[in-house]
């Protein structure tokens, strides 16, 4: 979408370890913006190591929204994200600032943009049943169950993504009268101009960054963080925590832990790349080209230029 009056929103997406966080902060300082997170696990409190959430130093440099505000046991939805992100964006714009949405959860970004219709299906009994099955069976069993009910949705989800598989099952098992689509406000419905950018990084480079990040996370205390969060938390299915908990349960050696963390993170990055390859209206750019796109597509100018008299 094209912007006018420099009031548009920059959506910065990409795979894990593509450099979104650092670039978003750099652009926010350059363009006098604030950052709205679009990561389904960084929004949980107490999970900063495993989710590579913005640090205290990062948030001191630039205000961040929808980061580390939710209890790890609380469920959250794409519809709620779209609502909360729009509230944050409106408030940012009301302060005369610009908004950068940054994260790797493609479904959240799609919901915020208005490129997907969301279901209102919710049944406590169905949710409890799925939760019981999840405690009894490995993830691939629930994924196979979903594949039998909704093959297309199952094909789009990894079996290890327990939260989304469970949510998809809720919708698939709900009566037709309860699976109606609901109208959720979005950037499009609010007529807020935006441009969606994904960071283009060579896969070998992403793999190298992942290996370095895994080593850094283990050194920073990922195991203690995973033990504190616990296996029963909704957010405990985030990449890294099942592997850490398996090690703590004596099911893997230290070398196996590092290897499984690296492998799981690489697979997650591949799934993100596949998702964003199908994202509507998304522009793939190298990091150095994003600022110019903000200028040409959104009408943004550097902060120092905004402060100069005309």
C-alpha atoms as a PDB file:
ATOM      1  CA  UNK A   1       0.000   0.000   0.000  1.00  0.00           C
ATOM      2  CA  UNK A   2       1.144   3.536  -0.633  1.00  0.00           C
ATOM      3  CA  UNK A   3       1.349   6.077   2.159  1.00  0.00           C
ATOM      4  CA  UNK A   4       0.630   9.760   2.395  1.00  0.00           C
ATOM      5  CA  UNK A   5       1.780  12.497   4.750  1.00  0.00           C
ATOM      6  CA  UNK A   6       4.473  10.238   6.203  1.00  0.00           C
ATOM      7  CA  UNK A   7       1.962   8.625   8.552  1.00  0.00           C
ATOM      8  CA  UNK A   8       2.291   5.031   7.401  1.00  0.00           C
ATOM      9  CA  UNK A   9       3.457   2.005   9.336  1.00  0.00           C
ATOM     10  CA  UNK A  10       6.603   0.051   8.494  1.00  0.00           C
ATOM     11  CA  UNK A  11       6.150  -3.695   9.030  1.00  0.00           C
ATOM     12  CA  UNK A  12       9.544  -5.386   9.359  1.00  0.00           C
ATOM     13  CA  UNK A  13       9.356  -9.173   9.120  1.00  0.00           C
ATOM     14  CA  UNK A  14      11.746 -12.036   8.514  1.00  0.00           C
ATOM     15  CA  UNK A  15      13.143 -15.270   9.840  1.00  0.00           C
ATOM     16  CA  UNK A  16      14.732 -15.662  13.238  1.00  0.00           C
ATOM     17  CA  UNK A  17      18.324 -14.347  13.262  1.00  0.00           C
ATOM     18  CA  UNK A  18      17.701 -12.200  10.184  1.00  0.00           C
ATOM     19  CA  UNK A  19      18.497  -9.044  12.163  1.00  0.00           C
ATOM     20  CA  UNK A  20      14.996  -7.615  12.674  1.00  0.00           C
ATOM     21  CA  UNK A  21      15.507  -6.383  16.237  1.00  0.00           C
ATOM     22  CA  UNK A  22      18.736  -4.497  15.602  1.00  0.00           C
ATOM     23  CA  UNK A  23      17.485  -2.970  12.371  1.00  0.00           C
ATOM     24  CA  UNK A  24      14.148  -1.937  13.879  1.00  0.00           C
ATOM     25  CA  UNK A  25      15.967  -0.082  16.652  1.00  0.00           C
ATOM     26  CA  UNK A  26      18.312   1.599  14.180  1.00  0.00           C
ATOM     27  CA  UNK A  27      15.393   2.718  11.996  1.00  0.00           C
ATOM     28  CA  UNK A  28      13.338   3.854  14.989  1.00  0.00           C
ATOM     29  CA  UNK A  29      16.161   6.124  16.132  1.00  0.00           C
ATOM     30  CA  UNK A  30      16.643   7.451  12.615  1.00  0.00           C
ATOM     31  CA  UNK A  31      12.971   8.112  11.904  1.00  0.00           C
ATOM     32  CA  UNK A  32      11.691   9.031  15.397  1.00  0.00           C
ATOM     33  CA  UNK A  33       9.595   5.862  15.713  1.00  0.00           C
ATOM     34  CA  UNK A  34       8.488   3.379  18.352  1.00  0.00           C
ATOM     35  CA  UNK A  35       8.435  -0.394  17.932  1.00  0.00           C
ATOM     36  CA  UNK A  36       5.438  -2.727  18.170  1.00  0.00           C
ATOM     37  CA  UNK A  37       6.451  -6.365  18.575  1.00  0.00           C
ATOM     38  CA  UNK A  38       5.019  -9.054  16.299  1.00  0.00           C
ATOM     39  CA  UNK A  39       6.427 -12.153  17.963  1.00  0.00           C
ATOM     40  CA  UNK A  40       4.050 -14.664  19.530  1.00  0.00           C
ATOM     41  CA  UNK A  41       6.549 -15.666  22.213  1.00  0.00           C
ATOM     42  CA  UNK A  42       8.378 -12.416  22.965  1.00  0.00           C
ATOM     43  CA  UNK A  43       5.108 -11.084  24.356  1.00  0.00           C
ATOM     44  CA  UNK A  44       5.478 -13.418  27.375  1.00  0.00           C
ATOM     45  CA  UNK A  45       7.241 -12.299  30.544  1.00  0.00           C
ATOM     46  CA  UNK A  46      10.321 -14.101  31.831  1.00  0.00           C
ATOM     47  CA  UNK A  47      11.310 -15.637  28.489  1.00  0.00           C
ATOM     48  CA  UNK A  48      13.807 -13.084  27.236  1.00  0.00           C
ATOM     49  CA  UNK A  49      16.668 -15.544  26.733  1.00  0.00           C
ATOM     50  CA  UNK A  50      14.864 -18.254  24.791  1.00  0.00           C
ATOM     51  CA  UNK A  51      12.895 -15.832  22.632  1.00  0.00           C
ATOM     52  CA  UNK A  52      15.786 -13.407  22.016  1.00  0.00           C
ATOM     53  CA  UNK A  53      13.522 -10.592  23.172  1.00  0.00           C
ATOM     54  CA  UNK A  54      14.706  -6.985  23.130  1.00  0.00           C
ATOM     55  CA  UNK A  55      17.015  -6.324  26.069  1.00  0.00           C
ATOM     56  CA  UNK A  56      16.635  -3.651  28.729  1.00  0.00           C
ATOM     57  CA  UNK A  57      19.250  -1.643  26.835  1.00  0.00           C
ATOM     58  CA  UNK A  58      17.182  -1.988  23.651  1.00  0.00           C
ATOM     59  CA  UNK A  59      13.976  -0.778  25.283  1.00  0.00           C
ATOM     60  CA  UNK A  60      15.866   2.088  26.909  1.00  0.00           C
ATOM     61  CA  UNK A  61      16.965   3.265  23.461  1.00  0.00           C
ATOM     62  CA  UNK A  62      13.538   2.951  21.827  1.00  0.00           C
ATOM     63  CA  UNK A  63      10.080   2.371  23.371  1.00  0.00           C
ATOM     64  CA  UNK A  64       8.766  -1.148  22.654  1.00  0.00           C
ATOM     65  CA  UNK A  65       5.154  -2.311  22.825  1.00  0.00           C
ATOM     66  CA  UNK A  66       3.653  -5.820  23.088  1.00  0.00           C
ATOM     67  CA  UNK A  67       6.857  -7.265  24.502  1.00  0.00           C
ATOM     68  CA  UNK A  68       7.117  -9.134  27.836  1.00  0.00           C
ATOM     69  CA  UNK A  69       3.654  -8.175  29.089  1.00  0.00           C
ATOM     70  CA  UNK A  70       1.818 -11.514  29.249  1.00  0.00           C
ATOM     71  CA  UNK A  71       1.965 -14.366  31.767  1.00  0.00           C
ATOM     72  CA  UNK A  72       3.439 -17.516  30.136  1.00  0.00           C
ATOM     73  CA  UNK A  73       0.345 -19.509  31.146  1.00  0.00           C
ATOM     74  CA  UNK A  74      -2.072 -17.144  29.413  1.00  0.00           C
ATOM     75  CA  UNK A  75      -3.443 -17.834  25.954  1.00  0.00           C
ATOM     76  CA  UNK A  76      -3.306 -15.173  23.288  1.00  0.00           C
ATOM     77  CA  UNK A  77      -4.805 -15.016  19.819  1.00  0.00           C
ATOM     78  CA  UNK A  78      -4.127 -13.370  16.478  1.00  0.00           C
ATOM     79  CA  UNK A  79      -7.373 -11.427  16.835  1.00  0.00           C
ATOM     80  CA  UNK A  80      -6.291 -10.080  20.203  1.00  0.00           C
ATOM     81  CA  UNK A  81      -2.881  -9.253  18.779  1.00  0.00           C
ATOM     82  CA  UNK A  82      -4.374  -7.276  15.897  1.00  0.00           C
ATOM     83  CA  UNK A  83      -6.507  -5.312  18.386  1.00  0.00           C
ATOM     84  CA  UNK A  84      -3.645  -4.655  20.821  1.00  0.00           C
ATOM     85  CA  UNK A  85      -1.213  -3.721  18.046  1.00  0.00           C
ATOM     86  CA  UNK A  86      -3.682  -1.227  16.583  1.00  0.00           C
ATOM     87  CA  UNK A  87      -4.215   0.326  20.013  1.00  0.00           C
ATOM     88  CA  UNK A  88      -0.442   0.737  20.344  1.00  0.00           C
ATOM     89  CA  UNK A  89      -0.104   2.149  16.819  1.00  0.00           C
ATOM     90  CA  UNK A  90      -2.877   4.684  17.375  1.00  0.00           C
ATOM     91  CA  UNK A  91      -1.230   5.836  20.607  1.00  0.00           C
ATOM     92  CA  UNK A  92       2.175   6.126  18.929  1.00  0.00           C
ATOM     93  CA  UNK A  93       0.737   8.201  16.088  1.00  0.00           C
ATOM     94  CA  UNK A  94      -1.172  10.383  18.566  1.00  0.00           C
ATOM     95  CA  UNK A  95       2.190  11.244  20.161  1.00  0.00           C
ATOM     96  CA  UNK A  96       3.471  12.420  16.796  1.00  0.00           C
ATOM     97  CA  UNK A  97       5.738   9.395  16.424  1.00  0.00           C
ATOM     98  CA  UNK A  98       5.980   6.758  13.730  1.00  0.00           C
ATOM     99  CA  UNK A  99       5.340   3.050  14.221  1.00  0.00           C
ATOM    100  CA  UNK A 100       7.517   0.104  13.222  1.00  0.00           C
ATOM    101  CA  UNK A 101       5.963  -3.349  13.599  1.00  0.00           C
ATOM    102  CA  UNK A 102       8.802  -5.869  13.924  1.00  0.00           C
ATOM    103  CA  UNK A 103       8.659  -9.623  14.366  1.00  0.00           C
ATOM    104  CA  UNK A 104       8.639 -13.053  12.824  1.00  0.00           C
ATOM    105  CA  UNK A 105       5.128 -14.336  13.546  1.00  0.00           C
ATOM    106  CA  UNK A 106       3.629 -14.251  10.089  1.00  0.00           C
ATOM    107  CA  UNK A 107       0.053 -14.948  11.143  1.00  0.00           C
ATOM    108  CA  UNK A 108       0.080 -11.975  13.516  1.00  0.00           C
ATOM    109  CA  UNK A 109       1.383  -9.726  10.744  1.00  0.00           C
ATOM    110  CA  UNK A 110      -1.228 -11.037   8.337  1.00  0.00           C
ATOM    111  CA  UNK A 111      -3.998 -10.444  10.887  1.00  0.00           C
ATOM    112  CA  UNK A 112      -2.794  -6.912  11.629  1.00  0.00           C
ATOM    113  CA  UNK A 113      -2.637  -6.041   7.939  1.00  0.00           C
ATOM    114  CA  UNK A 114      -6.127  -7.444   7.363  1.00  0.00           C
ATOM    115  CA  UNK A 115      -5.053 -10.224   5.013  1.00  0.00           C
ATOM    116  CA  UNK A 116      -6.803 -13.074   6.849  1.00  0.00           C
ATOM    117  CA  UNK A 117     -10.227 -13.669   8.360  1.00  0.00           C
ATOM    118  CA  UNK A 118     -10.235 -14.926  11.927  1.00  0.00           C
ATOM    119  CA  UNK A 119     -12.556 -17.425  13.564  1.00  0.00           C
ATOM    120  CA  UNK A 120     -14.441 -16.806  16.786  1.00  0.00           C
ATOM    121  CA  UNK A 121     -14.669 -20.530  17.576  1.00  0.00           C
ATOM    122  CA  UNK A 122     -14.158 -21.264  21.262  1.00  0.00           C
ATOM    123  CA  UNK A 123     -15.518 -24.123  23.320  1.00  0.00           C
ATOM    124  CA  UNK A 124     -14.159 -24.789  26.803  1.00  0.00           C
ATOM    125  CA  UNK A 125     -15.051 -28.498  26.651  1.00  0.00           C
ATOM    126  CA  UNK A 126     -13.328 -28.939  23.280  1.00  0.00           C
ATOM    127  CA  UNK A 127     -10.281 -27.028  24.518  1.00  0.00           C
ATOM    128  CA  UNK A 128     -10.095 -29.191  27.650  1.00  0.00           C
ATOM    129  CA  UNK A 129     -10.358 -32.344  25.549  1.00  0.00           C
ATOM    130  CA  UNK A 130      -7.541 -31.229  23.267  1.00  0.00           C
ATOM    131  CA  UNK A 131      -5.421 -30.301  26.296  1.00  0.00           C
ATOM    132  CA  UNK A 132      -5.922 -33.805  27.749  1.00  0.00           C
ATOM    133  CA  UNK A 133      -4.928 -35.392  24.457  1.00  0.00           C
ATOM    134  CA  UNK A 134      -1.861 -33.159  24.253  1.00  0.00           C
ATOM    135  CA  UNK A 135      -0.720 -34.315  27.690  1.00  0.00           C
ATOM    136  CA  UNK A 136      -1.215 -37.975  26.742  1.00  0.00           C
ATOM    137  CA  UNK A 137       0.109 -38.136  23.192  1.00  0.00           C
ATOM    138  CA  UNK A 138       3.149 -36.784  21.336  1.00  0.00           C
ATOM    139  CA  UNK A 139       2.672 -33.743  19.078  1.00  0.00           C
ATOM    140  CA  UNK A 140       2.502 -35.741  15.840  1.00  0.00           C
ATOM    141  CA  UNK A 141      -0.675 -37.494  17.021  1.00  0.00           C
ATOM    142  CA  UNK A 142      -2.544 -34.193  17.394  1.00  0.00           C
ATOM    143  CA  UNK A 143      -1.129 -33.033  14.077  1.00  0.00           C
ATOM    144  CA  UNK A 144      -2.451 -36.216  12.421  1.00  0.00           C
ATOM    145  CA  UNK A 145      -5.830 -35.593  14.041  1.00  0.00           C
ATOM    146  CA  UNK A 146      -5.868 -32.103  12.569  1.00  0.00           C
ATOM    147  CA  UNK A 147      -4.799 -33.466   9.171  1.00  0.00           C
ATOM    148  CA  UNK A 148      -7.838 -35.748   9.199  1.00  0.00           C
ATOM    149  CA  UNK A 149     -10.171 -32.808   9.902  1.00  0.00           C
ATOM    150  CA  UNK A 150      -8.471 -29.952   8.038  1.00  0.00           C
ATOM    151  CA  UNK A 151      -5.668 -31.166   5.728  1.00  0.00           C
ATOM    152  CA  UNK A 152      -4.898 -27.712   4.344  1.00  0.00           C
ATOM    153  CA  UNK A 153      -4.413 -26.132   7.760  1.00  0.00           C
ATOM    154  CA  UNK A 154      -2.358 -29.102   8.980  1.00  0.00           C
ATOM    155  CA  UNK A 155      -0.068 -28.808   5.973  1.00  0.00           C
ATOM    156  CA  UNK A 156       0.668 -25.204   6.960  1.00  0.00           C
ATOM    157  CA  UNK A 157       1.623 -26.099  10.549  1.00  0.00           C
ATOM    158  CA  UNK A 158       4.581 -27.981  11.967  1.00  0.00           C
ATOM    159  CA  UNK A 159       3.636 -30.842  14.287  1.00  0.00           C
ATOM    160  CA  UNK A 160       5.791 -29.317  17.021  1.00  0.00           C
ATOM    161  CA  UNK A 161       3.823 -26.069  16.991  1.00  0.00           C
ATOM    162  CA  UNK A 162       1.532 -27.338  19.722  1.00  0.00           C
ATOM    163  CA  UNK A 163      -0.286 -24.093  20.388  1.00  0.00           C
ATOM    164  CA  UNK A 164      -1.346 -23.454  16.796  1.00  0.00           C
ATOM    165  CA  UNK A 165      -2.154 -27.112  16.158  1.00  0.00           C
ATOM    166  CA  UNK A 166      -4.396 -27.079  19.238  1.00  0.00           C
ATOM    167  CA  UNK A 167      -6.082 -23.847  18.160  1.00  0.00           C
ATOM    168  CA  UNK A 168      -6.644 -25.213  14.648  1.00  0.00           C
ATOM    169  CA  UNK A 169      -8.202 -28.318  16.178  1.00  0.00           C
ATOM    170  CA  UNK A 170     -10.552 -26.158  18.245  1.00  0.00           C
ATOM    171  CA  UNK A 171     -11.792 -24.568  15.049  1.00  0.00           C
ATOM    172  CA  UNK A 172     -11.919 -27.846  13.132  1.00  0.00           C
ATOM    173  CA  UNK A 173     -13.919 -29.576  15.872  1.00  0.00           C
ATOM    174  CA  UNK A 174     -16.314 -26.693  16.575  1.00  0.00           C
ATOM    175  CA  UNK A 175     -19.874 -26.799  15.182  1.00  0.00           C
ATOM    176  CA  UNK A 176     -20.220 -24.848  11.902  1.00  0.00           C
ATOM    177  CA  UNK A 177     -22.312 -22.177  13.650  1.00  0.00           C
ATOM    178  CA  UNK A 178     -19.340 -21.369  15.897  1.00  0.00           C
ATOM    179  CA  UNK A 179     -16.657 -21.153  13.224  1.00  0.00           C
ATOM    180  CA  UNK A 180     -17.981 -18.015  11.627  1.00  0.00           C
ATOM    181  CA  UNK A 181     -15.399 -15.434  10.670  1.00  0.00           C
ATOM    182  CA  UNK A 182     -15.333 -12.311  12.785  1.00  0.00           C
ATOM    183  CA  UNK A 183     -14.552  -8.792  11.729  1.00  0.00           C
ATOM    184  CA  UNK A 184     -11.333  -7.624  13.364  1.00  0.00           C
ATOM    185  CA  UNK A 185     -10.009  -4.108  12.865  1.00  0.00           C
ATOM    186  CA  UNK A 186      -6.807  -3.995  10.853  1.00  0.00           C
ATOM    187  CA  UNK A 187      -4.443  -1.533   9.223  1.00  0.00           C
ATOM    188  CA  UNK A 188      -6.453  -1.911   6.038  1.00  0.00           C
ATOM    189  CA  UNK A 189      -9.861  -1.412   7.652  1.00  0.00           C
ATOM    190  CA  UNK A 190      -8.536   1.596   9.566  1.00  0.00           C
ATOM    191  CA  UNK A 191      -7.118   3.048   6.328  1.00  0.00           C
ATOM    192  CA  UNK A 192      -3.644   3.258   7.885  1.00  0.00           C
ATOM    193  CA  UNK A 193      -1.034   3.081   5.088  1.00  0.00           C
ATOM    194  CA  UNK A 194       1.670   0.481   5.529  1.00  0.00           C
ATOM    195  CA  UNK A 195       4.450  -1.346   3.731  1.00  0.00           C
ATOM    196  CA  UNK A 196       5.527  -4.892   4.600  1.00  0.00           C
ATOM    197  CA  UNK A 197       9.226  -5.698   4.282  1.00  0.00           C
ATOM    198  CA  UNK A 198      11.032  -8.984   4.914  1.00  0.00           C
ATOM    199  CA  UNK A 199      14.773  -9.066   5.469  1.00  0.00           C
ATOM    200  CA  UNK A 200      16.623 -10.986   2.801  1.00  0.00           C
ATOM    201  CA  UNK A 201      19.571 -12.867   4.310  1.00  0.00           C
ATOM    202  CA  UNK A 202      21.483 -15.809   2.845  1.00  0.00           C
ATOM    203  CA  UNK A 203      20.544 -19.071   4.528  1.00  0.00           C
ATOM    204  CA  UNK A 204      24.168 -19.898   5.296  1.00  0.00           C
ATOM    205  CA  UNK A 205      24.415 -16.602   7.159  1.00  0.00           C
ATOM    206  CA  UNK A 206      21.218 -17.312   9.095  1.00  0.00           C
ATOM    207  CA  UNK A 207      22.540 -20.765   9.998  1.00  0.00           C
ATOM    208  CA  UNK A 208      25.786 -19.264  11.300  1.00  0.00           C
ATOM    209  CA  UNK A 209      23.891 -16.702  13.352  1.00  0.00           C
ATOM    210  CA  UNK A 210      21.656 -19.437  14.774  1.00  0.00           C
ATOM    211  CA  UNK A 211      24.659 -21.451  15.915  1.00  0.00           C
ATOM    212  CA  UNK A 212      26.079 -18.379  17.650  1.00  0.00           C
ATOM    213  CA  UNK A 213      22.718 -17.543  19.225  1.00  0.00           C
ATOM    214  CA  UNK A 214      22.257 -21.066  20.605  1.00  0.00           C
ATOM    215  CA  UNK A 215      25.663 -20.906  22.285  1.00  0.00           C
ATOM    216  CA  UNK A 216      24.871 -17.464  23.688  1.00  0.00           C
ATOM    217  CA  UNK A 217      21.466 -18.551  25.008  1.00  0.00           C
ATOM    218  CA  UNK A 218      22.920 -21.543  26.824  1.00  0.00           C
ATOM    219  CA  UNK A 219      25.641 -19.367  28.330  1.00  0.00           C
ATOM    220  CA  UNK A 220      23.066 -16.760  29.395  1.00  0.00           C
ATOM    221  CA  UNK A 221      20.943 -19.242  31.348  1.00  0.00           C
ATOM    222  CA  UNK A 222      18.354 -20.772  29.011  1.00  0.00           C
ATOM    223  CA  UNK A 223      18.140 -23.913  31.141  1.00  0.00           C
ATOM    224  CA  UNK A 224      17.264 -21.960  34.284  1.00  0.00           C
ATOM    225  CA  UNK A 225      14.704 -19.938  32.340  1.00  0.00           C
ATOM    226  CA  UNK A 226      13.067 -23.073  30.907  1.00  0.00           C
ATOM    227  CA  UNK A 227      12.932 -24.709  34.350  1.00  0.00           C
ATOM    228  CA  UNK A 228      11.285 -21.595  35.784  1.00  0.00           C
ATOM    229  CA  UNK A 229       8.695 -21.420  32.992  1.00  0.00           C
ATOM    230  CA  UNK A 230       7.860 -25.127  33.265  1.00  0.00           C
ATOM    231  CA  UNK A 231       6.421 -27.562  30.757  1.00  0.00           C
ATOM    232  CA  UNK A 232       2.797 -26.730  31.559  1.00  0.00           C
ATOM    233  CA  UNK A 233       3.000 -23.094  30.405  1.00  0.00           C
ATOM    234  CA  UNK A 234       1.223 -22.210  27.173  1.00  0.00           C
ATOM    235  CA  UNK A 235       4.414 -20.568  25.960  1.00  0.00           C
ATOM    236  CA  UNK A 236       6.628 -23.580  26.747  1.00  0.00           C
ATOM    237  CA  UNK A 237       6.270 -24.882  23.201  1.00  0.00           C
ATOM    238  CA  UNK A 238       8.412 -22.037  21.857  1.00  0.00           C
ATOM    239  CA  UNK A 239      11.496 -23.299  20.047  1.00  0.00           C
ATOM    240  CA  UNK A 240      14.232 -24.018  22.571  1.00  0.00           C
ATOM    241  CA  UNK A 241      12.125 -24.763  25.631  1.00  0.00           C
ATOM    242  CA  UNK A 242      11.104 -28.368  24.796  1.00  0.00           C
ATOM    243  CA  UNK A 243      14.751 -29.152  24.068  1.00  0.00           C
ATOM    244  CA  UNK A 244      15.924 -27.497  27.296  1.00  0.00           C
ATOM    245  CA  UNK A 245      13.269 -29.292  29.343  1.00  0.00           C
ATOM    246  CA  UNK A 246      14.199 -32.628  27.758  1.00  0.00           C
ATOM    247  CA  UNK A 247      17.801 -32.057  28.855  1.00  0.00           C
ATOM    248  CA  UNK A 248      16.662 -31.168  32.373  1.00  0.00           C
ATOM    249  CA  UNK A 249      14.654 -34.391  32.448  1.00  0.00           C
ATOM    250  CA  UNK A 250      17.794 -36.363  31.633  1.00  0.00           C
ATOM    251  CA  UNK A 251      16.697 -37.246  28.101  1.00  0.00           C
ATOM    252  CA  UNK A 252      19.652 -35.648  26.323  1.00  0.00           C
ATOM    253  CA  UNK A 253      23.324 -34.950  26.836  1.00  0.00           C
ATOM    254  CA  UNK A 254      24.784 -31.462  26.702  1.00  0.00           C
ATOM    255  CA  UNK A 255      26.064 -32.073  23.177  1.00  0.00           C
ATOM    256  CA  UNK A 256      22.659 -33.411  22.115  1.00  0.00           C
ATOM    257  CA  UNK A 257      20.991 -30.366  23.661  1.00  0.00           C
ATOM    258  CA  UNK A 258      23.096 -27.958  21.627  1.00  0.00           C
ATOM    259  CA  UNK A 259      22.551 -29.944  18.441  1.00  0.00           C
ATOM    260  CA  UNK A 260      18.788 -30.245  18.943  1.00  0.00           C
ATOM    261  CA  UNK A 261      18.466 -26.530  19.756  1.00  0.00           C
ATOM    262  CA  UNK A 262      20.362 -25.605  16.610  1.00  0.00           C
ATOM    263  CA  UNK A 263      18.392 -28.038  14.459  1.00  0.00           C
ATOM    264  CA  UNK A 264      14.999 -26.908  15.817  1.00  0.00           C
ATOM    265  CA  UNK A 265      15.844 -23.236  15.354  1.00  0.00           C
ATOM    266  CA  UNK A 266      16.998 -23.801  11.778  1.00  0.00           C
ATOM    267  CA  UNK A 267      13.788 -25.645  10.987  1.00  0.00           C
ATOM    268  CA  UNK A 268      11.792 -22.816  12.496  1.00  0.00           C
ATOM    269  CA  UNK A 269      13.668 -20.288  10.366  1.00  0.00           C
ATOM    270  CA  UNK A 270      12.928 -22.357   7.246  1.00  0.00           C
ATOM    271  CA  UNK A 271       9.214 -22.436   8.096  1.00  0.00           C
ATOM    272  CA  UNK A 272       9.212 -18.664   8.560  1.00  0.00           C
ATOM    273  CA  UNK A 273      10.882 -18.151   5.185  1.00  0.00           C
ATOM    274  CA  UNK A 274       8.306 -20.430   3.549  1.00  0.00           C
ATOM    275  CA  UNK A 275       5.476 -18.528   5.206  1.00  0.00           C
ATOM    276  CA  UNK A 276       6.732 -15.101   4.183  1.00  0.00           C
ATOM    277  CA  UNK A 277       7.283 -16.324   0.631  1.00  0.00           C
ATOM    278  CA  UNK A 278       3.458 -16.540   0.443  1.00  0.00           C
ATOM    279  CA  UNK A 279       2.788 -13.278   2.296  1.00  0.00           C
ATOM    280  CA  UNK A 280       0.654 -10.809   0.291  1.00  0.00           C
ATOM    281  CA  UNK A 281       2.239  -7.486  -0.728  1.00  0.00           C
ATOM    282  CA  UNK A 282       5.543  -8.257   0.959  1.00  0.00           C
ATOM    283  CA  UNK A 283       8.824  -6.785  -0.328  1.00  0.00           C
ATOM    284  CA  UNK A 284      12.081  -8.694   0.224  1.00  0.00           C
ATOM    285  CA  UNK A 285      14.997  -6.361   0.879  1.00  0.00           C
ATOM    286  CA  UNK A 286      18.525  -6.359   2.192  1.00  0.00           C
ATOM    287  CA  UNK A 287      18.803  -4.531   5.514  1.00  0.00           C
ATOM    288  CA  UNK A 288      20.595  -1.523   4.011  1.00  0.00           C
ATOM    289  CA  UNK A 289      17.707  -0.897   1.579  1.00  0.00           C
ATOM    290  CA  UNK A 290      14.884  -0.707   4.127  1.00  0.00           C
ATOM    291  CA  UNK A 291      15.453   2.924   5.129  1.00  0.00           C
ATOM    292  CA  UNK A 292      15.145   4.087   1.528  1.00  0.00           C
ATOM    293  CA  UNK A 293      11.910   2.121   1.158  1.00  0.00           C
ATOM    294  CA  UNK A 294      10.541   3.874   4.250  1.00  0.00           C
ATOM    295  CA  UNK A 295      11.375   7.185   2.616  1.00  0.00           C
ATOM    296  CA  UNK A 296       9.936   6.418  -0.808  1.00  0.00           C
ATOM    297  CA  UNK A 297       6.943   4.288   0.140  1.00  0.00           C
ATOM    298  CA  UNK A 298       5.958   5.923   3.425  1.00  0.00           C
ATOM    299  CA  UNK A 299       7.234   9.465   3.002  1.00  0.00           C
ATOM    300  CA  UNK A 300       9.422   9.199   6.094  1.00  0.00           C
ATOM    301  CA  UNK A 301      12.317  11.600   6.701  1.00  0.00           C
ATOM    302  CA  UNK A 302      15.208  11.367   9.124  1.00  0.00           C
ATOM    303  CA  UNK A 303      14.544  12.806  12.564  1.00  0.00           C
ATOM    304  CA  UNK A 304      17.198  15.495  12.161  1.00  0.00           C
ATOM    305  CA  UNK A 305      15.456  16.645   8.977  1.00  0.00           C
ATOM    306  CA  UNK A 306      12.104  16.837  10.752  1.00  0.00           C
ATOM    307  CA  UNK A 307      13.527  19.131  13.396  1.00  0.00           C
ATOM    308  CA  UNK A 308      14.903  21.618  10.909  1.00  0.00           C
ATOM    309  CA  UNK A 309      12.772  24.711  10.140  1.00  0.00           C
ATOM    310  CA  UNK A 310      11.096  24.769   6.758  1.00  0.00           C
END
